Each structure stands twice: as structure tokens, then as C-alpha cells.
Amino acid sequence: VISIAMGEPKHAERYCGKLAPSITCLTNETTMPYETYGLQQGKLGELISPAVMVASVRALSRGSSQGEAIGDVKMLPGTFIVDKNGIIQYVYYSKHAGNHPKIADLITAAHTLK
């Protein structure tokens, strides 16, 4: 399993080891990987809205907090599961800045790969 995020290698080293030590985390300092997968900059309502505020409060209540923003803070997130042949098997385009797929859905999708 590989995770790719916007940032510098030091960010992958710092957070991957702490949050996901069993996967390989890579970074790219540009928006190129986002653009390659069709992710775009969010509009104001996708970056600041009641849904984003609810997601922020939920994250804070679980002990997560926003650190210093790195890269293009307007890029909306997305999640992709790509098989060993490079074929995208699962896609989740976030509807707003705080929208992410459920971990159970990702695990189910990963287990259905051939």
C-alpha cells in the first residue's frame, strides 16, 4: 500500500510512521498528482461551509487538529485504490475539504482486488 500526499519528504517521514507505519508514504511538492487523478481546487463553498465546520469539529473531538498548511490549500482531497496493474479500482472524490471515505469502505474495496 502506498499513500501519496502533497508535501515534502520530511512530512511523510513524520506522519506516516506515526499514523500508518505499515504503508509506504510518498510526497510531491506540486499539484501534479492531484491533477493527474482529476482532483481540482475547491470553490469557496467547498472549502468553508457548514459541512466543513462539522467535519472540523468531529476531527477535533477525536484528537485531530490542523497543523501548518503545506502546498495548495485549495486542492480538494480524493482517495484512489490502484491495483498492481495500475488500474484504478476505487475512486472517492471529496465533496468538500473535510470529506473523506470511511476506512471500512477502503478496507472492503482493497480486499476485493484481484
C-alpha atoms as a PDB file:
ATOM      1  CA  VAL A   1       0.000   0.000   0.000  1.00  0.00           C
ATOM      2  CA  ILE A   2       1.308   3.432  -0.947  1.00  0.00           C
ATOM      3  CA  SER A   3      -0.043   6.798   0.126  1.00  0.00           C
ATOM      4  CA  ILE A   4       0.741   9.906  -1.917  1.00  0.00           C
ATOM      5  CA  ALA A   5       0.168  13.371  -0.489  1.00  0.00           C
ATOM      6  CA  MET A   6       1.186  16.934  -1.196  1.00  0.00           C
ATOM      7  CA  GLY A   7       4.176  17.968   0.880  1.00  0.00           C
ATOM      8  CA  GLU A   8       7.852  17.405   1.441  1.00  0.00           C
ATOM      9  CA  PRO A   9       9.550  14.071   2.226  1.00  0.00           C
ATOM     10  CA  LYS A  10      10.010  15.161   5.846  1.00  0.00           C
ATOM     11  CA  HIS A  11       6.205  15.308   6.201  1.00  0.00           C
ATOM     12  CA  ALA A  12       5.833  11.711   5.026  1.00  0.00           C
ATOM     13  CA  GLU A  13       8.538  10.612   7.439  1.00  0.00           C
ATOM     14  CA  ARG A  14       6.934  12.458  10.348  1.00  0.00           C
ATOM     15  CA  TYR A  15       3.306  11.458   9.840  1.00  0.00           C
ATOM     16  CA  CYS A  16       3.388   8.109   8.081  1.00  0.00           C
ATOM     17  CA  GLY A  17       5.484   6.484  10.773  1.00  0.00           C
ATOM     18  CA  LYS A  18       3.077   7.749  13.411  1.00  0.00           C
ATOM     19  CA  LEU A  19      -0.276   7.282  11.662  1.00  0.00           C
ATOM     20  CA  ALA A  20       0.301   4.449   9.188  1.00  0.00           C
ATOM     21  CA  PRO A  21       3.577   2.654   9.876  1.00  0.00           C
ATOM     22  CA  SER A  22       2.687  -0.352   7.716  1.00  0.00           C
ATOM     23  CA  ILE A  23       2.396   1.583   4.443  1.00  0.00           C
ATOM     24  CA  THR A  24       4.788   3.492   2.237  1.00  0.00           C
ATOM     25  CA  CYS A  25       4.114   7.226   2.173  1.00  0.00           C
ATOM     26  CA  LEU A  26       5.359   9.414  -0.660  1.00  0.00           C
ATOM     27  CA  THR A  27       5.044  13.138  -1.191  1.00  0.00           C
ATOM     28  CA  ASN A  28       5.074  15.522  -4.098  1.00  0.00           C
ATOM     29  CA  GLU A  29       5.510  19.246  -3.621  1.00  0.00           C
ATOM     30  CA  THR A  30       3.354  20.084  -6.633  1.00  0.00           C
ATOM     31  CA  THR A  31      -0.313  19.564  -7.513  1.00  0.00           C
ATOM     32  CA  MET A  32       0.643  17.259 -10.408  1.00  0.00           C
ATOM     33  CA  PRO A  33      -0.581  14.013  -8.757  1.00  0.00           C
ATOM     34  CA  TYR A  34      -3.870  15.715  -7.876  1.00  0.00           C
ATOM     35  CA  GLU A  35      -4.357  16.958 -11.422  1.00  0.00           C
ATOM     36  CA  THR A  36      -3.399  13.563 -12.868  1.00  0.00           C
ATOM     37  CA  TYR A  37      -6.290  11.979 -10.964  1.00  0.00           C
ATOM     38  CA  GLY A  38      -8.757  14.741 -11.809  1.00  0.00           C
ATOM     39  CA  LEU A  39      -8.761  16.499  -8.445  1.00  0.00           C
ATOM     40  CA  GLN A  40      -9.344  20.234  -8.525  1.00  0.00           C
ATOM     41  CA  GLN A  41      -9.161  23.314  -6.397  1.00  0.00           C
ATOM     42  CA  GLY A  42     -12.272  23.737  -4.313  1.00  0.00           C
ATOM     43  CA  LYS A  43     -14.595  26.665  -4.610  1.00  0.00           C
ATOM     44  CA  LEU A  44     -15.304  28.778  -1.535  1.00  0.00           C
ATOM     45  CA  GLY A  45     -18.343  26.684  -0.530  1.00  0.00           C
ATOM     46  CA  GLU A  46     -16.253  23.504  -0.687  1.00  0.00           C
ATOM     47  CA  LEU A  47     -13.523  24.994   1.490  1.00  0.00           C
ATOM     48  CA  ILE A  48     -15.599  26.916   4.031  1.00  0.00           C
ATOM     49  CA  SER A  49     -19.142  25.697   4.670  1.00  0.00           C
ATOM     50  CA  PRO A  50     -21.294  24.251   7.463  1.00  0.00           C
ATOM     51  CA  ALA A  51     -20.302  20.728   6.304  1.00  0.00           C
ATOM     52  CA  VAL A  52     -16.606  21.628   6.600  1.00  0.00           C
ATOM     53  CA  MET A  53     -17.183  23.078  10.062  1.00  0.00           C
ATOM     54  CA  VAL A  54     -18.997  19.907  11.183  1.00  0.00           C
ATOM     55  CA  ALA A  55     -16.115  17.779   9.862  1.00  0.00           C
ATOM     56  CA  SER A  56     -13.629  20.042  11.672  1.00  0.00           C
ATOM     57  CA  VAL A  57     -15.447  19.743  14.985  1.00  0.00           C
ATOM     58  CA  ARG A  58     -15.672  15.954  14.548  1.00  0.00           C
ATOM     59  CA  ALA A  59     -11.926  15.733  13.855  1.00  0.00           C
ATOM     60  CA  LEU A  60     -11.095  17.949  16.833  1.00  0.00           C
ATOM     61  CA  SER A  61     -13.292  15.817  19.107  1.00  0.00           C
ATOM     62  CA  ARG A  62     -11.265  12.775  18.017  1.00  0.00           C
ATOM     63  CA  GLY A  63      -7.963  14.453  18.819  1.00  0.00           C
ATOM     64  CA  SER A  64      -7.004  15.553  15.304  1.00  0.00           C
ATOM     65  CA  SER A  65      -6.053  19.122  14.589  1.00  0.00           C
ATOM     66  CA  GLN A  66      -4.903  21.088  11.576  1.00  0.00           C
ATOM     67  CA  GLY A  67      -1.218  21.828  11.544  1.00  0.00           C
ATOM     68  CA  GLU A  68       0.589  24.217   9.255  1.00  0.00           C
ATOM     69  CA  ALA A  69      -0.873  24.035   5.773  1.00  0.00           C
ATOM     70  CA  ILE A  70       1.562  22.781   3.132  1.00  0.00           C
ATOM     71  CA  GLY A  71       1.144  23.158  -0.624  1.00  0.00           C
ATOM     72  CA  ASP A  72      -2.029  24.341  -2.312  1.00  0.00           C
ATOM     73  CA  VAL A  73      -4.610  24.654   0.472  1.00  0.00           C
ATOM     74  CA  LYS A  74      -7.422  24.955  -2.081  1.00  0.00           C
ATOM     75  CA  MET A  75      -6.933  21.445  -3.512  1.00  0.00           C
ATOM     76  CA  LEU A  76      -9.781  19.121  -2.607  1.00  0.00           C
ATOM     77  CA  PRO A  77      -8.772  15.653  -1.424  1.00  0.00           C
ATOM     78  CA  GLY A  78      -9.533  12.376  -3.065  1.00  0.00           C
ATOM     79  CA  THR A  79      -8.817   8.718  -2.442  1.00  0.00           C
ATOM     80  CA  PHE A  80      -7.928   6.102  -5.036  1.00  0.00           C
ATOM     81  CA  ILE A  81      -7.142   2.434  -4.838  1.00  0.00           C
ATOM     82  CA  VAL A  82      -4.980   1.324  -7.747  1.00  0.00           C
ATOM     83  CA  ASP A  83      -4.255  -2.349  -8.374  1.00  0.00           C
ATOM     84  CA  LYS A  84      -0.878  -3.910  -9.171  1.00  0.00           C
ATOM     85  CA  ASN A  85      -1.523  -3.379 -12.889  1.00  0.00           C
ATOM     86  CA  GLY A  86      -2.047   0.362 -12.428  1.00  0.00           C
ATOM     87  CA  ILE A  87      -5.818   0.169 -12.907  1.00  0.00           C
ATOM     88  CA  ILE A  88      -7.937   2.359 -10.661  1.00  0.00           C
ATOM     89  CA  GLN A  89     -10.318   0.090  -8.754  1.00  0.00           C
ATOM     90  CA  TYR A  90     -11.826   2.593  -6.292  1.00  0.00           C
ATOM     91  CA  VAL A  91     -12.383   6.339  -6.531  1.00  0.00           C
ATOM     92  CA  TYR A  92     -13.599   8.810  -3.931  1.00  0.00           C
ATOM     93  CA  TYR A  93     -13.716  12.496  -4.868  1.00  0.00           C
ATOM     94  CA  SER A  94     -14.211  14.548  -1.717  1.00  0.00           C
ATOM     95  CA  LYS A  95     -17.213  16.867  -1.795  1.00  0.00           C
ATOM     96  CA  HIS A  96     -15.530  19.391   0.497  1.00  0.00           C
ATOM     97  CA  ALA A  97     -12.264  19.897   2.352  1.00  0.00           C
ATOM     98  CA  GLY A  98     -13.303  17.741   5.322  1.00  0.00           C
ATOM     99  CA  ASN A  99     -14.943  14.923   3.360  1.00  0.00           C
ATOM    100  CA  HIS A 100     -13.151  11.563   3.345  1.00  0.00           C
ATOM    101  CA  PRO A 101     -14.220   7.977   2.682  1.00  0.00           C
ATOM    102  CA  LYS A 102     -14.910   5.654   5.586  1.00  0.00           C
ATOM    103  CA  ILE A 103     -11.960   3.434   6.450  1.00  0.00           C
ATOM    104  CA  ALA A 104     -14.274   0.380   6.386  1.00  0.00           C
ATOM    105  CA  ASP A 105     -15.179   1.195   2.766  1.00  0.00           C
ATOM    106  CA  LEU A 106     -11.492   1.413   1.830  1.00  0.00           C
ATOM    107  CA  ILE A 107     -10.712  -1.895   3.507  1.00  0.00           C
ATOM    108  CA  THR A 108     -13.634  -3.573   1.728  1.00  0.00           C
ATOM    109  CA  ALA A 109     -12.546  -2.124  -1.630  1.00  0.00           C
ATOM    110  CA  ALA A 110      -8.932  -3.195  -1.073  1.00  0.00           C
ATOM    111  CA  HIS A 111      -9.981  -6.752  -0.212  1.00  0.00           C
ATOM    112  CA  THR A 112     -11.960  -7.086  -3.442  1.00  0.00           C
ATOM    113  CA  LEU A 113      -8.876  -6.520  -5.626  1.00  0.00           C
ATOM    114  CA  LYS A 114      -7.849  -9.428  -7.812  1.00  0.00           C
END
